[in-house]
Protein backbone atom coordinates (compact mmCIF):
# COMPACT_ATOMS: atom_id res chain seq x y z
CA UNK A 1 -74.87 -73.82 -25.95
CA UNK A 2 -74.27 -72.77 -22.32
CA UNK A 3 -72.49 -69.47 -21.76
CA UNK A 4 -69.59 -71.15 -19.93
CA UNK A 5 -68.81 -73.30 -22.98
CA UNK A 6 -68.94 -70.26 -25.25
CA UNK A 7 -66.62 -68.36 -22.89
CA UNK A 8 -64.21 -71.31 -22.76
CA UNK A 9 -64.18 -71.59 -26.55
CA UNK A 10 -63.60 -67.84 -26.93
CA UNK A 11 -60.78 -68.04 -24.40
CA UNK A 12 -59.16 -70.94 -26.28
CA UNK A 13 -59.47 -69.06 -29.59
CA UNK A 14 -58.00 -65.91 -28.05
CA UNK A 15 -55.14 -67.89 -26.54
CA UNK A 16 -54.47 -69.62 -29.86
CA UNK A 17 -54.42 -66.26 -31.68
CA UNK A 18 -51.99 -64.81 -29.14
CA UNK A 19 -49.71 -67.85 -29.29
CA UNK A 20 -49.68 -67.76 -33.08
CA UNK A 21 -48.80 -64.07 -32.92
CA UNK A 22 -45.89 -64.81 -30.58
CA UNK A 23 -44.71 -67.63 -32.86
CA UNK A 24 -44.76 -65.22 -35.80
CA UNK A 25 -42.84 -62.61 -33.79
CA UNK A 26 -40.25 -65.22 -32.81
CA UNK A 27 -39.83 -66.37 -36.41
CA UNK A 28 -39.43 -62.76 -37.58
CA UNK A 29 -36.88 -62.13 -34.84
CA UNK A 30 -34.86 -65.18 -35.89
CA UNK A 31 -34.84 -64.00 -39.51
CA UNK A 32 -33.85 -60.47 -38.47
CA UNK A 33 -31.02 -61.78 -36.31
CA UNK A 34 -29.73 -63.97 -39.12
CA UNK A 35 -29.86 -61.07 -41.57
CA UNK A 36 -28.22 -58.67 -39.12
CA UNK A 37 -25.40 -60.98 -38.10
CA UNK A 38 -23.02 -63.31 -39.81
CA UNK A 39 -23.20 -66.63 -37.96
CA UNK A 40 -19.87 -67.64 -39.51
CA UNK A 41 -18.10 -64.84 -37.65
CA UNK A 42 -19.64 -65.67 -34.28
CA UNK A 43 -17.89 -67.87 -31.78
CA UNK A 44 -19.29 -71.42 -31.63
CA UNK A 45 -20.50 -70.85 -28.07
CA UNK A 46 -22.36 -67.69 -29.13
CA UNK A 47 -24.06 -69.51 -32.01
CA UNK A 48 -25.00 -72.37 -29.72
CA UNK A 49 -26.39 -70.02 -27.07
CA UNK A 50 -28.47 -68.06 -29.60
CA UNK A 51 -29.84 -71.21 -31.23
CA UNK A 52 -30.56 -72.83 -27.88
CA UNK A 53 -32.42 -69.77 -26.58
CA UNK A 54 -34.62 -69.51 -29.66
CA UNK A 55 -35.30 -73.24 -29.80
CA UNK A 56 -36.34 -73.24 -26.15
CA UNK A 57 -38.77 -70.36 -26.73
CA UNK A 58 -40.13 -72.02 -29.87
CA UNK A 59 -40.63 -75.32 -28.05
CA UNK A 60 -42.46 -73.63 -25.16
CA UNK A 61 -44.76 -71.68 -27.49
CA UNK A 62 -45.56 -74.81 -29.52
CA UNK A 63 -46.31 -76.74 -26.33
CA UNK A 64 -48.67 -74.00 -25.20
CA UNK A 65 -50.35 -73.91 -28.60
CA UNK A 66 -50.89 -77.65 -28.43
CA UNK A 67 -52.27 -77.34 -24.89
CA UNK A 68 -54.85 -74.76 -25.93
CA UNK A 69 -55.70 -76.27 -29.31
CA UNK A 70 -59.30 -77.16 -29.90
CA UNK A 71 -59.87 -80.80 -28.95
CA UNK A 72 -62.03 -81.31 -32.02
CA UNK A 73 -62.52 -79.42 -35.26
CA UNK A 74 -65.25 -76.79 -35.56
CA UNK A 75 -68.30 -77.68 -37.70
CA UNK A 76 -66.86 -75.72 -40.64
CA UNK A 77 -63.49 -77.40 -40.33
CA UNK A 78 -65.16 -80.80 -40.04
CA UNK A 79 -67.20 -80.15 -43.21
CA UNK A 80 -63.99 -79.23 -45.04
CA UNK A 81 -62.23 -82.36 -43.77
CA UNK A 82 -65.20 -84.51 -44.78
CA UNK A 83 -65.18 -82.99 -48.28
CA UNK A 84 -61.45 -83.62 -48.63
CA UNK A 85 -61.73 -87.22 -47.45
CA UNK A 86 -64.68 -87.89 -49.76
CA UNK A 87 -62.71 -86.42 -52.67
CA UNK A 88 -59.72 -88.68 -51.88
CA UNK A 89 -61.92 -91.78 -51.77
CA UNK A 90 -63.38 -91.13 -55.24
């Protein structure tokens, strides 16, 4: 495999790892904010602003993850998918 393809694949994998880390951080932050605050006591506009901000960040991170996702499964993933499909057909 040419070095440029290996570098591109490594870059995609690194980007995917970083995006997944940011998604995890965002999810943890949402949980922490919900545990640290009582949404019922917040003004409706504050709740809407907080939800909107987090949804916008989540949407952007998911779009980036989709952009940098591998276009096709790796050989190991493909073998697993093939095994699953064969098992379902039996």
